[in-house]
């Protein structure tokens, strides 16, 4: 694969990752609003629609493009798999995928009006992608230059 192709896949990877992070940051915030306004039926109808659209229209696509472009980057530079920092990034990425599915679980619970978690719970849940993002940024921007 050419250097140009590698750079375009890297560009796609960054853009998709940023889009995915937006979903992973905002969806739990919508869950906070949903949980704290559960008795306001008009609001619940509106927030359910927002949750569904955010997750399905952006979340799946952004995650899929992030994973696809990551695979293409590995194909372009298989030597990345020998780097310790890259293993840390992949581990954090795998945890991010698990978090994505955890949010999907709650989306389904809210759709069925079965979620009994508090707004406080979802505020705490919202910290997970921040920690993972910092791990990924550290692994990619700092660790390679310390080795």
N, C-alpha and C. Protein backbone atom coordinates (compact mmCIF):
# COMPACT_ATOMS: atom_id res chain seq x y z
N UNK A 1 0.85 -1.18 0.00
CA UNK A 1 0.00 0.00 0.00
C UNK A 1 0.90 1.24 0.00
N UNK A 2 0.51 2.23 -0.75
CA UNK A 2 1.32 3.44 -0.88
C UNK A 2 1.23 4.30 0.38
N UNK A 3 2.19 5.20 0.49
CA UNK A 3 2.20 6.16 1.60
C UNK A 3 0.94 7.02 1.54
N UNK A 4 0.55 7.42 0.33
CA UNK A 4 -0.67 8.23 0.19
C UNK A 4 -1.89 7.48 0.71
N UNK A 5 -2.04 6.22 0.37
CA UNK A 5 -3.17 5.43 0.84
C UNK A 5 -3.15 5.33 2.36
N UNK A 6 -1.95 5.09 2.92
CA UNK A 6 -1.82 5.01 4.37
C UNK A 6 -2.30 6.31 5.02
N UNK A 7 -1.88 7.43 4.48
CA UNK A 7 -2.26 8.73 5.05
C UNK A 7 -3.77 8.97 4.93
N UNK A 8 -4.38 8.54 3.83
CA UNK A 8 -5.83 8.70 3.69
C UNK A 8 -6.57 7.81 4.68
N UNK A 9 -6.07 6.60 4.91
CA UNK A 9 -6.71 5.73 5.90
C UNK A 9 -6.51 6.30 7.31
N UNK A 10 -5.37 6.91 7.55
CA UNK A 10 -5.13 7.55 8.85
C UNK A 10 -6.10 8.72 9.03
N UNK A 11 -6.27 9.51 7.97
CA UNK A 11 -7.23 10.61 8.00
C UNK A 11 -8.63 10.10 8.30
N UNK A 12 -9.06 9.05 7.60
CA UNK A 12 -10.37 8.45 7.82
C UNK A 12 -10.49 7.93 9.25
N UNK A 13 -9.43 7.31 9.75
CA UNK A 13 -9.43 6.77 11.10
C UNK A 13 -9.64 7.88 12.13
N UNK A 14 -8.92 8.98 12.00
CA UNK A 14 -9.07 10.10 12.93
C UNK A 14 -10.48 10.69 12.86
N UNK A 15 -10.98 10.92 11.64
CA UNK A 15 -12.32 11.51 11.48
C UNK A 15 -13.40 10.60 12.05
N UNK A 16 -13.30 9.30 11.77
CA UNK A 16 -14.29 8.35 12.27
C UNK A 16 -14.20 8.25 13.80
N UNK A 17 -12.99 8.24 14.33
CA UNK A 17 -12.80 8.15 15.78
C UNK A 17 -13.42 9.37 16.47
N UNK A 18 -13.21 10.55 15.93
CA UNK A 18 -13.78 11.76 16.52
C UNK A 18 -15.31 11.69 16.49
N UNK A 19 -15.86 11.24 15.38
CA UNK A 19 -17.32 11.10 15.28
C UNK A 19 -17.85 10.08 16.28
N UNK A 20 -17.14 8.97 16.39
CA UNK A 20 -17.55 7.93 17.33
C UNK A 20 -17.49 8.44 18.77
N UNK A 21 -16.44 9.17 19.09
CA UNK A 21 -16.31 9.72 20.44
C UNK A 21 -17.46 10.67 20.75
N UNK A 22 -17.88 11.45 19.76
CA UNK A 22 -19.01 12.35 19.98
C UNK A 22 -20.24 11.56 20.42
N UNK A 23 -20.48 10.43 19.78
CA UNK A 23 -21.61 9.57 20.14
C UNK A 23 -21.41 9.02 21.55
N UNK A 24 -20.21 8.54 21.84
CA UNK A 24 -19.95 7.91 23.14
C UNK A 24 -19.98 8.93 24.28
N UNK A 25 -19.75 10.19 23.97
CA UNK A 25 -19.88 11.25 24.98
C UNK A 25 -21.32 11.71 25.15
N UNK A 26 -22.04 11.87 24.04
CA UNK A 26 -23.36 12.49 24.10
C UNK A 26 -24.48 11.52 24.47
N UNK A 27 -24.39 10.27 24.05
CA UNK A 27 -25.45 9.31 24.33
C UNK A 27 -25.68 9.13 25.84
N UNK A 28 -24.63 8.95 26.65
CA UNK A 28 -24.89 8.83 28.09
C UNK A 28 -25.50 10.11 28.67
N UNK A 29 -25.18 11.26 28.09
CA UNK A 29 -25.79 12.52 28.54
C UNK A 29 -27.30 12.48 28.25
N UNK A 30 -27.68 11.97 27.08
CA UNK A 30 -29.10 11.81 26.78
C UNK A 30 -29.75 10.83 27.77
N UNK A 31 -29.01 9.80 28.15
CA UNK A 31 -29.53 8.85 29.13
C UNK A 31 -29.75 9.53 30.49
N UNK A 32 -28.88 10.46 30.85
CA UNK A 32 -29.06 11.23 32.09
C UNK A 32 -30.39 11.97 32.01
N UNK A 33 -30.60 12.70 30.92
CA UNK A 33 -31.85 13.46 30.76
C UNK A 33 -33.05 12.53 30.77
N UNK A 34 -32.93 11.40 30.10
CA UNK A 34 -34.02 10.43 30.02
C UNK A 34 -34.36 9.92 31.43
N UNK A 35 -33.34 9.48 32.16
CA UNK A 35 -33.55 8.92 33.50
C UNK A 35 -34.13 9.96 34.46
N UNK A 36 -33.70 11.20 34.32
CA UNK A 36 -34.14 12.24 35.26
C UNK A 36 -35.50 12.86 34.89
N UNK A 37 -36.00 12.53 33.72
CA UNK A 37 -37.30 13.08 33.28
C UNK A 37 -38.26 11.97 32.87
N UNK A 38 -38.13 10.83 33.49
CA UNK A 38 -38.88 9.64 33.11
C UNK A 38 -40.40 9.84 33.21
N UNK A 39 -40.84 10.76 34.05
CA UNK A 39 -42.27 11.00 34.23
C UNK A 39 -42.84 11.99 33.21
N UNK A 40 -41.99 12.63 32.45
CA UNK A 40 -42.43 13.60 31.44
C UNK A 40 -42.55 12.86 30.10
N UNK A 41 -43.72 12.37 29.80
CA UNK A 41 -43.93 11.50 28.63
C UNK A 41 -43.55 12.17 27.31
N UNK A 42 -43.89 13.44 27.13
CA UNK A 42 -43.53 14.13 25.89
C UNK A 42 -42.02 14.21 25.72
N UNK A 43 -41.33 14.51 26.81
CA UNK A 43 -39.87 14.57 26.76
C UNK A 43 -39.28 13.20 26.46
N UNK A 44 -39.81 12.17 27.09
CA UNK A 44 -39.30 10.81 26.89
C UNK A 44 -39.45 10.39 25.43
N UNK A 45 -40.56 10.72 24.82
CA UNK A 45 -40.75 10.40 23.39
C UNK A 45 -39.67 11.08 22.55
N UNK A 46 -39.41 12.34 22.82
CA UNK A 46 -38.42 13.10 22.07
C UNK A 46 -37.00 12.56 22.30
N UNK A 47 -36.66 12.28 23.56
CA UNK A 47 -35.29 11.84 23.86
C UNK A 47 -35.06 10.41 23.34
N UNK A 48 -36.10 9.58 23.34
CA UNK A 48 -35.95 8.23 22.77
C UNK A 48 -35.58 8.32 21.29
N UNK A 49 -36.23 9.23 20.59
CA UNK A 49 -35.93 9.42 19.17
C UNK A 49 -34.49 9.91 18.99
N UNK A 50 -34.07 10.86 19.81
CA UNK A 50 -32.70 11.38 19.73
C UNK A 50 -31.68 10.28 20.01
N UNK A 51 -31.93 9.48 21.04
CA UNK A 51 -31.02 8.38 21.39
C UNK A 51 -30.90 7.40 20.23
N UNK A 52 -32.04 7.02 19.70
CA UNK A 52 -32.06 6.04 18.61
C UNK A 52 -31.32 6.57 17.37
N UNK A 53 -31.61 7.79 16.98
CA UNK A 53 -30.97 8.37 15.79
C UNK A 53 -29.46 8.54 15.99
N UNK A 54 -29.07 9.02 17.14
CA UNK A 54 -27.64 9.20 17.42
C UNK A 54 -26.91 7.87 17.35
N UNK A 55 -27.47 6.87 17.99
CA UNK A 55 -26.79 5.57 18.04
C UNK A 55 -26.76 4.89 16.69
N UNK A 56 -27.92 4.83 16.03
CA UNK A 56 -28.01 4.07 14.78
C UNK A 56 -27.51 4.84 13.56
N UNK A 57 -27.79 6.12 13.48
CA UNK A 57 -27.41 6.89 12.29
C UNK A 57 -25.95 7.33 12.30
N UNK A 58 -25.38 7.49 13.49
CA UNK A 58 -23.98 7.93 13.57
C UNK A 58 -23.10 6.89 14.26
N UNK A 59 -23.57 6.36 15.37
CA UNK A 59 -22.75 5.48 16.20
C UNK A 59 -22.22 4.24 15.49
N UNK A 60 -23.11 3.48 14.87
CA UNK A 60 -22.67 2.26 14.19
C UNK A 60 -21.72 2.57 13.03
N UNK A 61 -22.06 3.60 12.27
CA UNK A 61 -21.23 3.97 11.11
C UNK A 61 -19.86 4.43 11.56
N UNK A 62 -19.83 5.31 12.55
CA UNK A 62 -18.54 5.83 13.04
C UNK A 62 -17.68 4.71 13.63
N UNK A 63 -18.29 3.83 14.40
CA UNK A 63 -17.52 2.71 14.96
C UNK A 63 -17.01 1.81 13.83
N UNK A 64 -17.89 1.49 12.89
CA UNK A 64 -17.49 0.63 11.77
C UNK A 64 -16.35 1.22 10.96
N UNK A 65 -16.42 2.51 10.66
CA UNK A 65 -15.35 3.16 9.91
C UNK A 65 -14.05 3.23 10.72
N UNK A 66 -14.18 3.41 12.03
CA UNK A 66 -12.98 3.42 12.88
C UNK A 66 -12.30 2.06 12.83
N UNK A 67 -13.06 1.01 12.97
CA UNK A 67 -12.50 -0.35 12.94
C UNK A 67 -11.94 -0.68 11.56
N UNK A 68 -12.70 -0.37 10.52
CA UNK A 68 -12.24 -0.63 9.15
C UNK A 68 -10.93 0.09 8.86
N UNK A 69 -10.86 1.37 9.18
CA UNK A 69 -9.64 2.13 8.90
C UNK A 69 -8.48 1.65 9.76
N UNK A 70 -8.75 1.19 10.97
CA UNK A 70 -7.68 0.64 11.82
C UNK A 70 -7.10 -0.62 11.18
N UNK A 71 -7.99 -1.47 10.67
CA UNK A 71 -7.52 -2.69 9.99
C UNK A 71 -6.68 -2.33 8.77
N UNK A 72 -7.12 -1.35 8.02
CA UNK A 72 -6.37 -0.93 6.83
C UNK A 72 -5.01 -0.36 7.20
N UNK A 73 -4.93 0.35 8.32
CA UNK A 73 -3.64 0.89 8.78
C UNK A 73 -2.70 -0.26 9.17
N UNK A 74 -3.23 -1.28 9.79
CA UNK A 74 -2.41 -2.44 10.17
C UNK A 74 -1.93 -3.17 8.92
N UNK A 75 -2.81 -3.30 7.93
CA UNK A 75 -2.41 -3.94 6.67
C UNK A 75 -1.31 -3.12 6.00
N UNK A 76 -1.45 -1.80 6.06
CA UNK A 76 -0.46 -0.92 5.43
C UNK A 76 0.88 -0.94 6.17
N UNK A 77 0.82 -1.07 7.50
CA UNK A 77 2.03 -1.07 8.33
C UNK A 77 1.95 -2.20 9.34
N UNK A 78 2.19 -3.43 8.93
CA UNK A 78 2.08 -4.56 9.86
C UNK A 78 3.07 -4.48 11.02
N UNK A 79 4.11 -3.70 10.87
CA UNK A 79 5.08 -3.53 11.95
C UNK A 79 4.48 -2.90 13.20
N UNK A 80 3.35 -2.24 13.05
CA UNK A 80 2.67 -1.65 14.21
C UNK A 80 2.34 -2.71 15.26
N UNK A 81 2.07 -3.92 14.79
CA UNK A 81 1.70 -4.99 15.72
C UNK A 81 2.86 -5.42 16.63
N UNK A 82 4.07 -4.97 16.33
CA UNK A 82 5.23 -5.29 17.16
C UNK A 82 5.50 -4.22 18.21
N UNK A 83 4.72 -3.14 18.18
CA UNK A 83 4.95 -2.01 19.08
C UNK A 83 4.06 -2.12 20.32
N UNK A 84 4.66 -1.96 21.50
CA UNK A 84 3.90 -2.05 22.75
C UNK A 84 2.81 -1.00 22.85
N UNK A 85 3.11 0.22 22.40
CA UNK A 85 2.12 1.28 22.49
C UNK A 85 0.89 0.95 21.65
N UNK A 86 1.10 0.24 20.54
CA UNK A 86 -0.01 -0.11 19.67
C UNK A 86 -0.92 -1.14 20.33
N UNK A 87 -0.32 -2.03 21.12
CA UNK A 87 -1.12 -3.01 21.87
C UNK A 87 -1.98 -2.31 22.92
N UNK A 88 -1.43 -1.28 23.55
CA UNK A 88 -2.21 -0.51 24.52
C UNK A 88 -3.38 0.18 23.80
N UNK A 89 -3.11 0.75 22.63
CA UNK A 89 -4.18 1.40 21.86
C UNK A 89 -5.25 0.39 21.46
N UNK A 90 -4.84 -0.79 21.00
CA UNK A 90 -5.83 -1.80 20.59
C UNK A 90 -6.66 -2.28 21.78
N UNK A 91 -6.03 -2.42 22.94
CA UNK A 91 -6.76 -2.83 24.14
C UNK A 91 -7.80 -1.78 24.51
N UNK A 92 -7.40 -0.51 24.51
CA UNK A 92 -8.34 0.57 24.80
C UNK A 92 -9.44 0.62 23.74
N UNK A 93 -9.09 0.37 22.48
CA UNK A 93 -10.08 0.33 21.41
C UNK A 93 -11.08 -0.80 21.61
N UNK A 94 -10.60 -1.95 22.05
CA UNK A 94 -11.50 -3.08 22.32
C UNK A 94 -12.45 -2.74 23.47
N UNK A 95 -11.93 -2.06 24.49
CA UNK A 95 -12.79 -1.63 25.60
C UNK A 95 -13.81 -0.60 25.14
N UNK A 96 -13.42 0.24 24.19
CA UNK A 96 -14.33 1.24 23.63
C UNK A 96 -15.47 0.53 22.87
N UNK A 97 -15.14 -0.53 22.15
CA UNK A 97 -16.17 -1.31 21.45
C UNK A 97 -17.12 -1.94 22.47
N UNK A 98 -16.57 -2.49 23.54
CA UNK A 98 -17.41 -3.08 24.60
C UNK A 98 -18.32 -2.00 25.20
N UNK A 99 -17.80 -0.82 25.43
CA UNK A 99 -18.58 0.30 25.96
C UNK A 99 -19.72 0.66 25.00
N UNK A 100 -19.42 0.66 23.71
CA UNK A 100 -20.43 0.94 22.68
C UNK A 100 -21.60 -0.04 22.83
N UNK A 101 -21.30 -1.31 22.99
CA UNK A 101 -22.35 -2.31 23.15
C UNK A 101 -23.06 -2.19 24.49
N UNK A 102 -22.36 -1.71 25.51
CA UNK A 102 -22.98 -1.46 26.82
C UNK A 102 -24.03 -0.35 26.66
N UNK A 103 -23.69 0.69 25.92
CA UNK A 103 -24.65 1.76 25.65
C UNK A 103 -25.85 1.23 24.85
N UNK A 104 -25.58 0.31 23.93
CA UNK A 104 -26.65 -0.30 23.14
C UNK A 104 -27.61 -1.06 24.06
N UNK A 105 -27.07 -1.75 25.05
CA UNK A 105 -27.89 -2.46 26.03
C UNK A 105 -28.87 -1.49 26.71
N UNK A 106 -28.36 -0.34 27.14
CA UNK A 106 -29.23 0.64 27.80
C UNK A 106 -30.20 1.29 26.83
N UNK A 107 -29.81 1.46 25.59
CA UNK A 107 -30.71 1.98 24.58
C UNK A 107 -31.94 1.07 24.48
N UNK A 108 -31.70 -0.23 24.44
CA UNK A 108 -32.80 -1.20 24.35
C UNK A 108 -33.67 -1.17 25.62
N UNK A 109 -33.02 -1.02 26.78
CA UNK A 109 -33.78 -0.94 28.04
C UNK A 109 -34.67 0.30 28.05
N UNK A 110 -34.12 1.44 27.62
CA UNK A 110 -34.92 2.67 27.58
C UNK A 110 -36.05 2.56 26.56
N UNK A 111 -35.78 1.93 25.41
CA UNK A 111 -36.83 1.77 24.39
C UNK A 111 -38.04 1.02 24.95
N UNK A 112 -37.77 0.05 25.82
CA UNK A 112 -38.84 -0.77 26.40
C UNK A 112 -39.36 -0.20 27.73
N UNK A 113 -38.85 0.98 28.12
CA UNK A 113 -39.21 1.60 29.41
C UNK A 113 -38.88 0.69 30.58
N UNK A 114 -37.75 -0.01 30.48
CA UNK A 114 -37.33 -0.95 31.53
C UNK A 114 -36.08 -0.50 32.27
N UNK A 115 -35.50 0.63 31.91
CA UNK A 115 -34.27 1.06 32.56
C UNK A 115 -34.60 1.78 33.86
N UNK A 116 -34.02 1.30 34.93
CA UNK A 116 -34.27 1.86 36.25
C UNK A 116 -33.04 2.57 36.84
N UNK A 117 -32.00 2.74 36.03
CA UNK A 117 -30.78 3.40 36.49
C UNK A 117 -31.03 4.89 36.64
N UNK A 118 -30.27 5.51 37.53
CA UNK A 118 -30.44 6.94 37.81
C UNK A 118 -29.59 7.80 36.88
N UNK A 119 -29.89 9.08 36.87
CA UNK A 119 -29.08 10.03 36.13
C UNK A 119 -27.65 10.04 36.66
N UNK A 120 -27.50 9.87 37.96
CA UNK A 120 -26.18 9.83 38.58
C UNK A 120 -25.35 8.66 38.03
N UNK A 121 -26.00 7.53 37.85
CA UNK A 121 -25.33 6.35 37.29
C UNK A 121 -24.79 6.67 35.89
N UNK A 122 -25.63 7.30 35.06
CA UNK A 122 -25.21 7.61 33.69
C UNK A 122 -24.17 8.72 33.64
N UNK A 123 -24.17 9.61 34.62
CA UNK A 123 -23.10 10.61 34.70
C UNK A 123 -21.75 9.91 34.94
N UNK A 124 -21.75 8.94 35.82
CA UNK A 124 -20.52 8.18 36.10
C UNK A 124 -20.12 7.35 34.88
N UNK A 125 -21.09 6.72 34.24
CA UNK A 125 -20.82 5.93 33.04
C UNK A 125 -20.19 6.77 31.94
N UNK A 126 -20.54 8.03 31.91
CA UNK A 126 -20.06 8.96 30.89
C UNK A 126 -18.56 9.26 31.02
N UNK A 127 -17.95 8.90 32.13
CA UNK A 127 -16.52 9.15 32.31
C UNK A 127 -15.65 8.10 31.63
N UNK A 128 -16.20 6.95 31.36
CA UNK A 128 -15.42 5.84 30.78
C UNK A 128 -14.80 6.20 29.43
N UNK A 129 -15.55 6.76 28.47
CA UNK A 129 -14.90 7.07 27.19
C UNK A 129 -13.82 8.14 27.31
N UNK A 130 -13.95 9.02 28.28
CA UNK A 130 -12.92 10.04 28.48
C UNK A 130 -11.61 9.38 28.89
N UNK A 131 -11.68 8.46 29.83
CA UNK A 131 -10.47 7.75 30.28
C UNK A 131 -9.86 6.96 29.12
N UNK A 132 -10.70 6.25 28.39
CA UNK A 132 -10.19 5.45 27.26
C UNK A 132 -9.58 6.34 26.18
N UNK A 133 -10.20 7.49 25.93
CA UNK A 133 -9.66 8.41 24.93
C UNK A 133 -8.27 8.90 25.36
N UNK A 134 -8.10 9.22 26.64
CA UNK A 134 -6.79 9.67 27.11
C UNK A 134 -5.75 8.56 26.99
N UNK A 135 -6.14 7.33 27.26
CA UNK A 135 -5.22 6.20 27.10
C UNK A 135 -4.80 6.07 25.64
N UNK A 136 -5.76 6.16 24.74
CA UNK A 136 -5.45 6.05 23.31
C UNK A 136 -4.55 7.19 22.85
N UNK A 137 -4.86 8.40 23.26
CA UNK A 137 -4.03 9.55 22.86
C UNK A 137 -2.61 9.43 23.43
N UNK A 138 -2.51 9.00 24.68
CA UNK A 138 -1.19 8.81 25.28
C UNK A 138 -0.41 7.73 24.52
N UNK A 139 -1.09 6.63 24.22
CA UNK A 139 -0.42 5.53 23.52
C UNK A 139 0.07 5.95 22.14
N UNK A 140 -0.68 6.79 21.47
CA UNK A 140 -0.32 7.15 20.09
C UNK A 140 0.57 8.39 19.98
N UNK A 141 0.45 9.31 20.92
CA UNK A 141 1.17 10.58 20.78
C UNK A 141 2.39 10.72 21.69
N UNK A 142 2.43 9.98 22.78
CA UNK A 142 3.54 10.11 23.72
C UNK A 142 4.43 8.87 23.74
N UNK A 143 3.83 7.71 23.90
CA UNK A 143 4.62 6.47 24.05
C UNK A 143 5.58 6.19 22.92
N UNK A 144 5.23 6.40 21.65
CA UNK A 144 6.17 6.07 20.58
C UNK A 144 7.48 6.86 20.67
N UNK A 145 7.43 8.02 21.26
CA UNK A 145 8.62 8.87 21.33
C UNK A 145 9.41 8.68 22.60
N UNK A 146 8.89 7.89 23.51
CA UNK A 146 9.61 7.60 24.76
C UNK A 146 10.38 6.30 24.66
N UNK A 147 10.17 5.55 23.58
CA UNK A 147 10.79 4.24 23.45
C UNK A 147 12.16 4.36 22.83
